[in-house]
Amino acid sequence: MKGVLKSGFYTLVDGHIYFRNQVIKMRYELMAEYTVSNFDTSDVFNKYNEVLELSANDRVKTKSPLNSIQSHRFAYVILNSKDMVPKRVMLMPYLHERKIFLNRIKKNTEYFYTSILHTS
């Protein structure tokens, strides 16, 4: 955890640290207690590894994800591990939000769409 924070290559949004292919949830309710010394690091920081399904040759670019606050999504740049060239971009909704976003109808169109953010 210390190495992640010292690196500065993470994105912090609403108590969740997004770092490469990991998400670390900070348990603010436990940190606020006076007896925080009784908790282990694994109690205060819930770590989720491999949140993206990647092939063996894929790597997440350092300083990913890119945060799109307007669309409530992250963009992960996936690199080919052999030559470290960008291979594709993966979009992922915020894991910390449990909301449904109704997007405005665009002019001159006859359709609408709904974004549903799902967390497990």
PDB file of N, CA and C in Angstrom:
ATOM      1  N   MET A   1       0.829  -1.183   0.000  1.00  0.00           N
ATOM      2  CA  MET A   1       0.000   0.000   0.000  1.00  0.00           C
ATOM      3  C   MET A   1       0.876   1.250   0.000  1.00  0.00           C
ATOM      4  N   LYS A   2       1.919   1.201   0.783  1.00  0.00           N
ATOM      5  CA  LYS A   2       2.826   2.336   0.866  1.00  0.00           C
ATOM      6  C   LYS A   2       3.463   2.616  -0.496  1.00  0.00           C
ATOM      7  N   GLY A   3       3.847   1.559  -1.209  1.00  0.00           N
ATOM      8  CA  GLY A   3       4.450   1.717  -2.526  1.00  0.00           C
ATOM      9  C   GLY A   3       3.493   2.336  -3.534  1.00  0.00           C
ATOM     10  N   VAL A   4       2.226   1.955  -3.469  1.00  0.00           N
ATOM     11  CA  VAL A   4       1.215   2.523  -4.373  1.00  0.00           C
ATOM     12  C   VAL A   4       1.090   4.023  -4.138  1.00  0.00           C
ATOM     13  N   LEU A   5       0.983   4.415  -2.885  1.00  0.00           N
ATOM     14  CA  LEU A   5       0.819   5.833  -2.562  1.00  0.00           C
ATOM     15  C   LEU A   5       2.071   6.643  -2.891  1.00  0.00           C
ATOM     16  N   LYS A   6       3.241   6.085  -2.634  1.00  0.00           N
ATOM     17  CA  LYS A   6       4.481   6.796  -2.945  1.00  0.00           C
ATOM     18  C   LYS A   6       4.704   6.959  -4.440  1.00  0.00           C
ATOM     19  N   SER A   7       4.196   6.007  -5.232  1.00  0.00           N
ATOM     20  CA  SER A   7       4.411   6.067  -6.681  1.00  0.00           C
ATOM     21  C   SER A   7       3.684   7.253  -7.314  1.00  0.00           C
ATOM     22  N   GLY A   8       2.520   7.591  -6.788  1.00  0.00           N
ATOM     23  CA  GLY A   8       1.724   8.669  -7.368  1.00  0.00           C
ATOM     24  C   GLY A   8       1.016   8.267  -8.652  1.00  0.00           C
ATOM     25  N   PHE A   9       1.122   7.005  -9.060  1.00  0.00           N
ATOM     26  CA  PHE A   9       0.515   6.524 -10.301  1.00  0.00           C
ATOM     27  C   PHE A   9      -0.852   5.906 -10.049  1.00  0.00           C
ATOM     28  N   TYR A  10      -1.687   6.573  -9.323  1.00  0.00           N
ATOM     29  CA  TYR A  10      -3.019   6.072  -9.010  1.00  0.00           C
ATOM     30  C   TYR A  10      -4.036   7.196  -9.193  1.00  0.00           C
ATOM     31  N   THR A  11      -5.292   6.800  -9.222  1.00  0.00           N
ATOM     32  CA  THR A  11      -6.394   7.768  -9.280  1.00  0.00           C
ATOM     33  C   THR A  11      -7.252   7.532  -8.061  1.00  0.00           C
ATOM     34  N   LEU A  12      -7.497   8.579  -7.287  1.00  0.00           N
ATOM     35  CA  LEU A  12      -8.310   8.489  -6.078  1.00  0.00           C
ATOM     36  C   LEU A  12      -9.648   9.156  -6.333  1.00  0.00           C
ATOM     37  N   VAL A  13     -10.724   8.380  -6.233  1.00  0.00           N
ATOM     38  CA  VAL A  13     -12.070   8.907  -6.432  1.00  0.00           C
ATOM     39  C   VAL A  13     -12.971   8.313  -5.364  1.00  0.00           C
ATOM     40  N   ASP A  14     -13.551   9.169  -4.546  1.00  0.00           N
ATOM     41  CA  ASP A  14     -14.557   8.782  -3.562  1.00  0.00           C
ATOM     42  C   ASP A  14     -14.132   7.584  -2.707  1.00  0.00           C
ATOM     43  N   GLY A  15     -12.929   7.631  -2.174  1.00  0.00           N
ATOM     44  CA  GLY A  15     -12.460   6.587  -1.272  1.00  0.00           C
ATOM     45  C   GLY A  15     -11.996   5.316  -1.943  1.00  0.00           C
ATOM     46  N   HIS A  16     -11.875   5.338  -3.259  1.00  0.00           N
ATOM     47  CA  HIS A  16     -11.385   4.186  -4.010  1.00  0.00           C
ATOM     48  C   HIS A  16     -10.108   4.578  -4.745  1.00  0.00           C
ATOM     49  N   ILE A  17      -9.081   3.780  -4.590  1.00  0.00           N
ATOM     50  CA  ILE A  17      -7.812   4.008  -5.278  1.00  0.00           C
ATOM     51  C   ILE A  17      -7.765   3.062  -6.473  1.00  0.00           C
ATOM     52  N   TYR A  18      -7.707   3.635  -7.661  1.00  0.00           N
ATOM     53  CA  TYR A  18      -7.601   2.854  -8.893  1.00  0.00           C
ATOM     54  C   TYR A  18      -6.130   2.878  -9.308  1.00  0.00           C
ATOM     55  N   PHE A  19      -5.505   1.708  -9.316  1.00  0.00           N
ATOM     56  CA  PHE A  19      -4.073   1.588  -9.595  1.00  0.00           C
ATOM     57  C   PHE A  19      -3.848   0.399 -10.504  1.00  0.00           C
ATOM     58  N   ARG A  20      -3.422   0.692 -11.728  1.00  0.00           N
ATOM     59  CA  ARG A  20      -3.219  -0.348 -12.736  1.00  0.00           C
ATOM     60  C   ARG A  20      -4.448  -1.237 -12.823  1.00  0.00           C
ATOM     61  N   ASN A  21      -4.318  -2.524 -12.551  1.00  0.00           N
ATOM     62  CA  ASN A  21      -5.456  -3.437 -12.662  1.00  0.00           C
ATOM     63  C   ASN A  21      -5.996  -3.805 -11.283  1.00  0.00           C
ATOM     64  N   GLN A  22      -5.926  -2.860 -10.368  1.00  0.00           N
ATOM     65  CA  GLN A  22      -6.392  -3.078  -9.004  1.00  0.00           C
ATOM     66  C   GLN A  22      -7.288  -1.928  -8.561  1.00  0.00           C
ATOM     67  N   VAL A  23      -8.185  -2.235  -7.640  1.00  0.00           N
ATOM     68  CA  VAL A  23      -8.976  -1.205  -6.967  1.00  0.00           C
ATOM     69  C   VAL A  23      -8.819  -1.446  -5.477  1.00  0.00           C
ATOM     70  N   ILE A  24      -8.520  -0.384  -4.755  1.00  0.00           N
ATOM     71  CA  ILE A  24      -8.344  -0.480  -3.304  1.00  0.00           C
ATOM     72  C   ILE A  24      -9.375   0.443  -2.663  1.00  0.00           C
ATOM     73  N   LYS A  25     -10.265  -0.156  -1.873  1.00  0.00           N
ATOM     74  CA  LYS A  25     -11.307   0.614  -1.189  1.00  0.00           C
ATOM     75  C   LYS A  25     -10.813   0.976   0.199  1.00  0.00           C
ATOM     76  N   MET A  26     -10.840   2.277   0.497  1.00  0.00           N
ATOM     77  CA  MET A  26     -10.431   2.742   1.819  1.00  0.00           C
ATOM     78  C   MET A  26     -11.665   2.757   2.717  1.00  0.00           C
ATOM     79  N   ARG A  27     -11.583   2.118   3.847  1.00  0.00           N
ATOM     80  CA  ARG A  27     -12.703   2.009   4.777  1.00  0.00           C
ATOM     81  C   ARG A  27     -12.680   3.185   5.744  1.00  0.00           C
ATOM     82  N   TYR A  28     -13.270   4.304   5.304  1.00  0.00           N
ATOM     83  CA  TYR A  28     -13.274   5.527   6.105  1.00  0.00           C
ATOM     84  C   TYR A  28     -13.941   5.330   7.457  1.00  0.00           C
ATOM     85  N   GLU A  29     -14.993   4.514   7.494  1.00  0.00           N
ATOM     86  CA  GLU A  29     -15.696   4.321   8.761  1.00  0.00           C
ATOM     87  C   GLU A  29     -14.805   3.660   9.800  1.00  0.00           C
ATOM     88  N   LEU A  30     -13.882   2.808   9.363  1.00  0.00           N
ATOM     89  CA  LEU A  30     -12.944   2.192  10.303  1.00  0.00           C
ATOM     90  C   LEU A  30     -11.826   3.147  10.680  1.00  0.00           C
ATOM     91  N   MET A  31     -11.397   3.962   9.722  1.00  0.00           N
ATOM     92  CA  MET A  31     -10.323   4.924   9.996  1.00  0.00           C
ATOM     93  C   MET A  31     -10.772   6.006  10.969  1.00  0.00           C
ATOM     94  N   ALA A  32     -12.064   6.282  11.000  1.00  0.00           N
ATOM     95  CA  ALA A  32     -12.585   7.335  11.868  1.00  0.00           C
ATOM     96  C   ALA A  32     -12.656   6.899  13.334  1.00  0.00           C
ATOM     97  N   GLU A  33     -12.617   5.612  13.569  1.00  0.00           N
ATOM     98  CA  GLU A  33     -12.702   5.122  14.943  1.00  0.00           C
ATOM     99  C   GLU A  33     -11.384   5.379  15.678  1.00  0.00           C
ATOM    100  N   TYR A  34     -11.503   5.592  16.961  1.00  0.00           N
ATOM    101  CA  TYR A  34     -10.324   5.862  17.775  1.00  0.00           C
ATOM    102  C   TYR A  34      -9.455   4.629  17.947  1.00  0.00           C
ATOM    103  N   THR A  35     -10.030   3.456  17.771  1.00  0.00           N
ATOM    104  CA  THR A  35      -9.290   2.211  17.977  1.00  0.00           C
ATOM    105  C   THR A  35      -8.741   1.673  16.658  1.00  0.00           C
ATOM    106  N   VAL A  36      -8.405   2.569  15.737  1.00  0.00           N
ATOM    107  CA  VAL A  36      -7.910   2.143  14.433  1.00  0.00           C
ATOM    108  C   VAL A  36      -6.634   1.316  14.553  1.00  0.00           C
ATOM    109  N   SER A  37      -5.904   1.465  15.636  1.00  0.00           N
ATOM    110  CA  SER A  37      -4.678   0.691  15.809  1.00  0.00           C
ATOM    111  C   SER A  37      -4.968  -0.793  15.990  1.00  0.00           C
ATOM    112  N   ASN A  38      -6.212  -1.132  16.334  1.00  0.00           N
ATOM    113  CA  ASN A  38      -6.583  -2.537  16.499  1.00  0.00           C
ATOM    114  C   ASN A  38      -6.826  -3.233  15.162  1.00  0.00           C
ATOM    115  N   PHE A  39      -6.916  -2.465  14.082  1.00  0.00           N
ATOM    116  CA  PHE A  39      -7.194  -3.033  12.776  1.00  0.00           C
ATOM    117  C   PHE A  39      -5.895  -3.293  12.024  1.00  0.00           C
ATOM    118  N   ASP A  40      -5.928  -4.323  11.216  1.00  0.00           N
ATOM    119  CA  ASP A  40      -4.813  -4.645  10.328  1.00  0.00           C
ATOM    120  C   ASP A  40      -4.983  -3.838   9.041  1.00  0.00           C
ATOM    121  N   THR A  41      -3.921  -3.701   8.260  1.00  0.00           N
ATOM    122  CA  THR A  41      -3.980  -2.975   6.994  1.00  0.00           C
ATOM    123  C   THR A  41      -5.018  -3.575   6.061  1.00  0.00           C
ATOM    124  N   SER A  42      -5.144  -4.901   6.059  1.00  0.00           N
ATOM    125  CA  SER A  42      -6.123  -5.555   5.191  1.00  0.00           C
ATOM    126  C   SER A  42      -7.555  -5.252   5.615  1.00  0.00           C
ATOM    127  N   ASP A  43      -7.765  -4.859   6.875  1.00  0.00           N
ATOM    128  CA  ASP A  43      -9.107  -4.475   7.327  1.00  0.00           C
ATOM    129  C   ASP A  43      -9.465  -3.074   6.844  1.00  0.00           C
ATOM    130  N   VAL A  44      -8.502  -2.176   6.851  1.00  0.00           N
ATOM    131  CA  VAL A  44      -8.739  -0.773   6.507  1.00  0.00           C
ATOM    132  C   VAL A  44      -8.734  -0.559   4.999  1.00  0.00           C
ATOM    133  N   PHE A  45      -7.975  -1.358   4.261  1.00  0.00           N
ATOM    134  CA  PHE A  45      -7.895  -1.249   2.805  1.00  0.00           C
ATOM    135  C   PHE A  45      -8.342  -2.574   2.181  1.00  0.00           C
ATOM    136  N   ASN A  46      -9.490  -2.562   1.531  1.00  0.00           N
ATOM    137  CA  ASN A  46      -9.960  -3.752   0.816  1.00  0.00           C
ATOM    138  C   ASN A  46      -9.399  -3.710  -0.592  1.00  0.00           C
ATOM    139  N   LYS A  47      -8.639  -4.732  -0.965  1.00  0.00           N
ATOM    140  CA  LYS A  47      -7.942  -4.743  -2.245  1.00  0.00           C
ATOM    141  C   LYS A  47      -8.603  -5.737  -3.196  1.00  0.00           C
ATOM    142  N   TYR A  48      -8.873  -5.267  -4.422  1.00  0.00           N
ATOM    143  CA  TYR A  48      -9.464  -6.102  -5.460  1.00  0.00           C
ATOM    144  C   TYR A  48      -8.472  -6.162  -6.620  1.00  0.00           C
ATOM    145  N   ASN A  49      -7.929  -7.334  -6.867  1.00  0.00           N
ATOM    146  CA  ASN A  49      -6.939  -7.523  -7.931  1.00  0.00           C
ATOM    147  C   ASN A  49      -7.613  -7.942  -9.223  1.00  0.00           C
ATOM    148  N   GLU A  50      -6.960  -7.641 -10.321  1.00  0.00           N
ATOM    149  CA  GLU A  50      -7.392  -8.058 -11.649  1.00  0.00           C
ATOM    150  C   GLU A  50      -8.866  -7.745 -11.911  1.00  0.00           C
ATOM    151  N   VAL A  51      -9.204  -6.468 -11.836  1.00  0.00           N
ATOM    152  CA  VAL A  51     -10.585  -6.043 -12.085  1.00  0.00           C
ATOM    153  C   VAL A  51     -10.921  -6.080 -13.570  1.00  0.00           C
ATOM    154  N   LEU A  52      -9.907  -6.073 -14.423  1.00  0.00           N
ATOM    155  CA  LEU A  52     -10.100  -6.183 -15.866  1.00  0.00           C
ATOM    156  C   LEU A  52      -9.626  -7.553 -16.323  1.00  0.00           C
ATOM    157  N   GLU A  53     -10.354  -8.153 -17.248  1.00  0.00           N
ATOM    158  CA  GLU A  53      -9.911  -9.422 -17.817  1.00  0.00           C
ATOM    159  C   GLU A  53      -8.906  -9.127 -18.925  1.00  0.00           C
ATOM    160  N   LEU A  54      -7.670  -9.494 -18.681  1.00  0.00           N
ATOM    161  CA  LEU A  54      -6.596  -9.238 -19.638  1.00  0.00           C
ATOM    162  C   LEU A  54      -5.962 -10.555 -20.060  1.00  0.00           C
ATOM    163  N   SER A  55      -5.456 -10.598 -21.272  1.00  0.00           N
ATOM    164  CA  SER A  55      -4.722 -11.780 -21.720  1.00  0.00           C
ATOM    165  C   SER A  55      -3.325 -11.746 -21.119  1.00  0.00           C
ATOM    166  N   ALA A  56      -2.594 -12.822 -21.288  1.00  0.00           N
ATOM    167  CA  ALA A  56      -1.256 -12.933 -20.696  1.00  0.00           C
ATOM    168  C   ALA A  56      -0.291 -11.878 -21.225  1.00  0.00           C
ATOM    169  N   ASN A  57      -0.491 -11.401 -22.457  1.00  0.00           N
ATOM    170  CA  ASN A  57       0.423 -10.421 -23.055  1.00  0.00           C
ATOM    171  C   ASN A  57      -0.005  -8.971 -22.831  1.00  0.00           C
ATOM    172  N   ASP A  58      -1.088  -8.744 -22.102  1.00  0.00           N
ATOM    173  CA  ASP A  58      -1.586  -7.393 -21.883  1.00  0.00           C
ATOM    174  C   ASP A  58      -1.097  -6.823 -20.563  1.00  0.00           C
ATOM    175  N   ARG A  59      -0.825  -5.537 -20.569  1.00  0.00           N
ATOM    176  CA  ARG A  59      -0.448  -4.797 -19.360  1.00  0.00           C
ATOM    177  C   ARG A  59      -1.229  -3.496 -19.337  1.00  0.00           C
ATOM    178  N   VAL A  60      -1.575  -3.036 -18.144  1.00  0.00           N
ATOM    179  CA  VAL A  60      -2.242  -1.745 -18.001  1.00  0.00           C
ATOM    180  C   VAL A  60      -1.172  -0.667 -17.937  1.00  0.00           C
ATOM    181  N   LYS A  61      -1.345   0.374 -18.713  1.00  0.00           N
ATOM    182  CA  LYS A  61      -0.371   1.466 -18.773  1.00  0.00           C
ATOM    183  C   LYS A  61      -0.258   2.149 -17.417  1.00  0.00           C
ATOM    184  N   THR A  62       0.954   2.511 -17.054  1.00  0.00           N
ATOM    185  CA  THR A  62       1.181   3.283 -15.836  1.00  0.00           C
ATOM    186  C   THR A  62       0.437   4.608 -15.963  1.00  0.00           C
ATOM    187  N   LYS A  63      -0.060   5.097 -14.863  1.00  0.00           N
ATOM    188  CA  LYS A  63      -0.890   6.309 -14.777  1.00  0.00           C
ATOM    189  C   LYS A  63      -2.269   6.081 -15.381  1.00  0.00           C
ATOM    190  N   SER A  64      -2.682   4.837 -15.511  1.00  0.00           N
ATOM    191  CA  SER A  64      -4.054   4.527 -15.891  1.00  0.00           C
ATOM    192  C   SER A  64      -4.794   4.179 -14.617  1.00  0.00           C
ATOM    193  N   PRO A  65      -6.067   4.437 -14.539  1.00  0.00           N
ATOM    194  CA  PRO A  65      -6.985   4.839 -15.593  1.00  0.00           C
ATOM    195  C   PRO A  65      -7.060   6.349 -15.760  1.00  0.00           C
ATOM    196  N   LEU A  66      -7.555   6.733 -16.918  1.00  0.00           N
ATOM    197  CA  LEU A  66      -7.850   8.139 -17.184  1.00  0.00           C
ATOM    198  C   LEU A  66      -9.289   8.374 -16.733  1.00  0.00           C
ATOM    199  N   ASN A  67      -9.510   9.425 -15.991  1.00  0.00           N
ATOM    200  CA  ASN A  67     -10.808   9.664 -15.371  1.00  0.00           C
ATOM    201  C   ASN A  67     -11.684  10.550 -16.249  1.00  0.00           C
ATOM    202  N   SER A  68     -12.862  10.068 -16.599  1.00  0.00           N
ATOM    203  CA  SER A  68     -13.845  10.870 -17.322  1.00  0.00           C
ATOM    204  C   SER A  68     -15.001  11.148 -16.369  1.00  0.00           C
ATOM    205  N   ILE A  69     -14.905  12.266 -15.662  1.00  0.00           N
ATOM    206  CA  ILE A  69     -15.898  12.602 -14.650  1.00  0.00           C
ATOM    207  C   ILE A  69     -17.277  12.798 -15.278  1.00  0.00           C
ATOM    208  N   GLN A  70     -17.320  13.406 -16.446  1.00  0.00           N
ATOM    209  CA  GLN A  70     -18.596  13.696 -17.095  1.00  0.00           C
ATOM    210  C   GLN A  70     -19.363  12.421 -17.443  1.00  0.00           C
ATOM    211  N   SER A  71     -18.668  11.398 -17.924  1.00  0.00           N
ATOM    212  CA  SER A  71     -19.363  10.172 -18.306  1.00  0.00           C
ATOM    213  C   SER A  71     -19.315   9.095 -17.221  1.00  0.00           C
ATOM    214  N   HIS A  72     -18.738   9.417 -16.065  1.00  0.00           N
ATOM    215  CA  HIS A  72     -18.674   8.497 -14.931  1.00  0.00           C
ATOM    216  C   HIS A  72     -17.995   7.180 -15.299  1.00  0.00           C
ATOM    217  N   ARG A  73     -16.882   7.281 -16.004  1.00  0.00           N
ATOM    218  CA  ARG A  73     -16.146   6.108 -16.444  1.00  0.00           C
ATOM    219  C   ARG A  73     -14.638   6.340 -16.367  1.00  0.00           C
ATOM    220  N   PHE A  74     -13.926   5.232 -16.351  1.00  0.00           N
ATOM    221  CA  PHE A  74     -12.478   5.263 -16.453  1.00  0.00           C
ATOM    222  C   PHE A  74     -12.065   4.661 -17.790  1.00  0.00           C
ATOM    223  N   ALA A  75     -11.006   5.181 -18.351  1.00  0.00           N
ATOM    224  CA  ALA A  75     -10.437   4.629 -19.581  1.00  0.00           C
ATOM    225  C   ALA A  75      -9.074   4.036 -19.236  1.00  0.00           C
ATOM    226  N   TYR A  76      -8.950   2.752 -19.455  1.00  0.00           N
ATOM    227  CA  TYR A  76      -7.697   2.051 -19.215  1.00  0.00           C
ATOM    228  C   TYR A  76      -6.986   1.849 -20.549  1.00  0.00           C
ATOM    229  N   VAL A  77      -5.733   2.242 -20.617  1.00  0.00           N
ATOM    230  CA  VAL A  77      -4.925   2.022 -21.816  1.00  0.00           C
ATOM    231  C   VAL A  77      -4.212   0.691 -21.633  1.00  0.00           C
ATOM    232  N   ILE A  78      -4.473  -0.232 -22.546  1.00  0.00           N
ATOM    233  CA  ILE A  78      -3.890  -1.564 -22.480  1.00  0.00           C
ATOM    234  C   ILE A  78      -2.728  -1.643 -23.467  1.00  0.00           C
ATOM    235  N   LEU A  79      -1.584  -2.089 -22.967  1.00  0.00           N
ATOM    236  CA  LEU A  79      -0.371  -2.183 -23.772  1.00  0.00           C
ATOM    237  C   LEU A  79      -0.052  -3.641 -24.092  1.00  0.00           C
ATOM    238  N   ASN A  80       0.612  -3.842 -25.210  1.00  0.00           N
ATOM    239  CA  ASN A  80       1.180  -5.143 -25.536  1.00  0.00           C
ATOM    240  C   ASN A  80       2.470  -5.269 -24.725  1.00  0.00           C
ATOM    241  N   SER A  81       2.589  -6.292 -23.916  1.00  0.00           N
ATOM    242  CA  SER A  81       3.737  -6.401 -23.001  1.00  0.00           C
ATOM    243  C   SER A  81       5.062  -6.633 -23.719  1.00  0.00           C
ATOM    244  N   LYS A  82       5.019  -7.107 -24.955  1.00  0.00           N
ATOM    245  CA  LYS A  82       6.271  -7.358 -25.681  1.00  0.00           C
ATOM    246  C   LYS A  82       6.957  -6.065 -26.096  1.00  0.00           C
ATOM    247  N   ASP A  83       6.217  -5.169 -26.737  1.00  0.00           N
ATOM    248  CA  ASP A  83       6.831  -3.927 -27.215  1.00  0.00           C
ATOM    249  C   ASP A  83       6.271  -2.682 -26.520  1.00  0.00           C
ATOM    250  N   MET A  84       5.374  -2.873 -25.554  1.00  0.00           N
ATOM    251  CA  MET A  84       4.779  -1.796 -24.746  1.00  0.00           C
ATOM    252  C   MET A  84       4.114  -0.716 -25.609  1.00  0.00           C
ATOM    253  N   VAL A  85       3.494  -1.145 -26.686  1.00  0.00           N
ATOM    254  CA  VAL A  85       2.761  -0.251 -27.588  1.00  0.00           C
ATOM    255  C   VAL A  85       1.290  -0.333 -27.225  1.00  0.00           C
ATOM    256  N   PRO A  86       0.567   0.806 -27.192  1.00  0.00           N
ATOM    257  CA  PRO A  86      -0.866   0.754 -26.900  1.00  0.00           C
ATOM    258  C   PRO A  86      -1.605  -0.178 -27.859  1.00  0.00           C
ATOM    259  N   LYS A  87      -2.410  -1.053 -27.285  1.00  0.00           N
ATOM    260  CA  LYS A  87      -3.124  -2.063 -28.044  1.00  0.00           C
ATOM    261  C   LYS A  87      -4.609  -1.713 -28.168  1.00  0.00           C
ATOM    262  N   ARG A  88      -5.196  -1.258 -27.046  1.00  0.00           N
ATOM    263  CA  ARG A  88      -6.608  -0.881 -27.037  1.00  0.00           C
ATOM    264  C   ARG A  88      -6.903  -0.062 -25.789  1.00  0.00           C
ATOM    265  N   VAL A  89      -8.113   0.486 -25.758  1.00  0.00           N
ATOM    266  CA  VAL A  89      -8.591   1.237 -24.601  1.00  0.00           C
ATOM    267  C   VAL A  89      -9.828   0.525 -24.079  1.00  0.00           C
ATOM    268  N   MET A  90      -9.866   0.297 -22.781  1.00  0.00           N
ATOM    269  CA  MET A  90     -11.031  -0.339 -22.157  1.00  0.00           C
ATOM    270  C   MET A  90     -11.719   0.687 -21.269  1.00  0.00           C
ATOM    271  N   LEU A  91     -13.040   0.766 -21.375  1.00  0.00           N
ATOM    272  CA  LEU A  91     -13.819   1.658 -20.536  1.00  0.00           C
ATOM    273  C   LEU A  91     -14.477   0.863 -19.424  1.00  0.00           C
ATOM    274  N   MET A  92     -14.459   1.427 -18.230  1.00  0.00           N
ATOM    275  CA  MET A  92     -15.075   0.776 -17.082  1.00  0.00           C
ATOM    276  C   MET A  92     -15.844   1.820 -16.293  1.00  0.00           C
ATOM    277  N   PRO A  93     -17.077   1.528 -15.909  1.00  0.00           N
ATOM    278  CA  PRO A  93     -17.814   2.489 -15.081  1.00  0.00           C
ATOM    279  C   PRO A  93     -17.190   2.577 -13.693  1.00  0.00           C
ATOM    280  N   TYR A  94     -17.449   3.682 -13.027  1.00  0.00           N
ATOM    281  CA  TYR A  94     -16.980   3.821 -11.645  1.00  0.00           C
ATOM    282  C   TYR A  94     -17.505   2.646 -10.828  1.00  0.00           C
ATOM    283  N   LEU A  95     -16.646   2.021 -10.072  1.00  0.00           N
ATOM    284  CA  LEU A  95     -17.072   0.920  -9.216  1.00  0.00           C
ATOM    285  C   LEU A  95     -17.719   1.423  -7.928  1.00  0.00           C
ATOM    286  N   HIS A  96     -17.455   2.659  -7.570  1.00  0.00           N
ATOM    287  CA  HIS A  96     -17.940   3.170  -6.299  1.00  0.00           C
ATOM    288  C   HIS A  96     -19.332   3.797  -6.391  1.00  0.00           C
ATOM    289  N   GLU A  97     -19.908   3.898  -7.584  1.00  0.00           N
ATOM    290  CA  GLU A  97     -21.238   4.488  -7.739  1.00  0.00           C
ATOM    291  C   GLU A  97     -22.277   3.415  -7.985  1.00  0.00           C
ATOM    292  N   ARG A  98     -23.409   3.588  -7.395  1.00  0.00           N
ATOM    293  CA  ARG A  98     -24.533   2.681  -7.615  1.00  0.00           C
ATOM    294  C   ARG A  98     -25.704   3.523  -8.099  1.00  0.00           C
ATOM    295  N   LYS A  99     -25.590   3.976  -9.334  1.00  0.00           N
ATOM    296  CA  LYS A  99     -26.578   4.890  -9.890  1.00  0.00           C
ATOM    297  C   LYS A  99     -26.919   4.481 -11.311  1.00  0.00           C
ATOM    298  N   ILE A 100     -28.045   4.959 -11.777  1.00  0.00           N
ATOM    299  CA  ILE A 100     -28.423   4.829 -13.176  1.00  0.00           C
ATOM    300  C   ILE A 100     -28.397   6.225 -13.774  1.00  0.00           C
ATOM    301  N   PHE A 101     -27.689   6.378 -14.880  1.00  0.00           N
ATOM    302  CA  PHE A 101     -27.588   7.670 -15.535  1.00  0.00           C
ATOM    303  C   PHE A 101     -28.418   7.657 -16.805  1.00  0.00           C
ATOM    304  N   LEU A 102     -29.402   8.550 -16.885  1.00  0.00           N
ATOM    305  CA  LEU A 102     -30.185   8.721 -18.098  1.00  0.00           C
ATOM    306  C   LEU A 102     -29.527   9.824 -18.900  1.00  0.00           C
ATOM    307  N   ASN A 103     -29.042   9.483 -20.053  1.00  0.00           N
ATOM    308  CA  ASN A 103     -28.338  10.454 -20.877  1.00  0.00           C
ATOM    309  C   ASN A 103     -29.325  11.218 -21.748  1.00  0.00           C
ATOM    310  N   ARG A 104     -29.063  12.494 -21.942  1.00  0.00           N
ATOM    311  CA  ARG A 104     -29.952  13.340 -22.731  1.00  0.00           C
ATOM    312  C   ARG A 104     -30.036  12.875 -24.175  1.00  0.00           C
ATOM    313  N   ILE A 105     -31.194  13.096 -24.757  1.00  0.00           N
ATOM    314  CA  ILE A 105     -31.383  12.763 -26.161  1.00  0.00           C
ATOM    315  C   ILE A 105     -30.609  13.771 -26.999  1.00  0.00           C
ATOM    316  N   LYS A 106     -29.857  13.267 -27.944  1.00  0.00           N
ATOM    317  CA  LYS A 106     -29.100  14.145 -28.822  1.00  0.00           C
ATOM    318  C   LYS A 106     -30.017  14.708 -29.892  1.00  0.00           C
ATOM    319  N   LYS A 107     -29.743  15.899 -30.325  1.00  0.00           N
ATOM    320  CA  LYS A 107     -30.553  16.534 -31.352  1.00  0.00           C
ATOM    321  C   LYS A 107     -30.500  15.736 -32.652  1.00  0.00           C
ATOM    322  N   ASN A 108     -31.615  15.771 -33.379  1.00  0.00           N
ATOM    323  CA  ASN A 108     -31.738  15.106 -34.684  1.00  0.00           C
ATOM    324  C   ASN A 108     -31.592  13.589 -34.606  1.00  0.00           C
ATOM    325  N   THR A 109     -31.951  12.992 -33.481  1.00  0.00           N
ATOM    326  CA  THR A 109     -31.939  11.537 -33.367  1.00  0.00           C
ATOM    327  C   THR A 109     -33.286  11.079 -32.855  1.00  0.00           C
ATOM    328  N   GLU A 110     -33.607   9.838 -33.087  1.00  0.00           N
ATOM    329  CA  GLU A 110     -34.885   9.285 -32.646  1.00  0.00           C
ATOM    330  C   GLU A 110     -34.663   8.127 -31.680  1.00  0.00           C
ATOM    331  N   TYR A 111     -33.652   8.214 -30.873  1.00  0.00           N
ATOM    332  CA  TYR A 111     -33.372   7.146 -29.934  1.00  0.00           C
ATOM    333  C   TYR A 111     -32.892   7.757 -28.623  1.00  0.00           C
ATOM    334  N   PHE A 112     -32.847   6.942 -27.585  1.00  0.00           N
ATOM    335  CA  PHE A 112     -32.256   7.341 -26.326  1.00  0.00           C
ATOM    336  C   PHE A 112     -31.497   6.133 -25.784  1.00  0.00           C
ATOM    337  N   TYR A 113     -30.663   6.384 -24.823  1.00  0.00           N
ATOM    338  CA  TYR A 113     -29.927   5.283 -24.229  1.00  0.00           C
ATOM    339  C   TYR A 113     -29.782   5.515 -22.742  1.00  0.00           C
ATOM    340  N   THR A 114     -29.556   4.453 -22.022  1.00  0.00           N
ATOM    341  CA  THR A 114     -29.432   4.484 -20.579  1.00  0.00           C
ATOM    342  C   THR A 114     -28.131   3.810 -20.194  1.00  0.00           C
ATOM    343  N   SER A 115     -27.407   4.430 -19.297  1.00  0.00           N
ATOM    344  CA  SER A 115     -26.203   3.804 -18.762  1.00  0.00           C
ATOM    345  C   SER A 115     -26.524   3.267 -17.390  1.00  0.00           C
ATOM    346  N   ILE A 116     -26.305   2.003 -17.180  1.00  0.00           N
ATOM    347  CA  ILE A 116     -26.534   1.397 -15.877  1.00  0.00           C
ATOM    348  C   ILE A 116     -25.178   0.993 -15.310  1.00  0.00           C
ATOM    349  N   LEU A 117     -24.854   1.546 -14.167  1.00  0.00           N
ATOM    350  CA  LEU A 117     -23.576   1.239 -13.525  1.00  0.00           C
ATOM    351  C   LEU A 117     -23.817   0.107 -12.541  1.00  0.00           C
ATOM    352  N   HIS A 118     -23.066  -0.940 -12.708  1.00  0.00           N
ATOM    353  CA  HIS A 118     -23.239  -2.130 -11.893  1.00  0.00           C
ATOM    354  C   HIS A 118     -21.987  -2.389 -11.084  1.00  0.00           C
ATOM    355  N   THR A 119     -22.166  -2.616  -9.814  1.00  0.00           N
ATOM    356  CA  THR A 119     -21.039  -3.019  -8.975  1.00  0.00           C
ATOM    357  C   THR A 119     -21.404  -4.307  -8.287  1.00  0.00           C
ATOM    358  N   SER A 120     -20.410  -5.088  -7.990  1.00  0.00           N
ATOM    359  CA  SER A 120     -20.688  -6.354  -7.314  1.00  0.00           C
ATOM    360  C   SER A 120     -20.355  -6.263  -5.861  1.00  0.00           C
TER     361      SER A 120
END
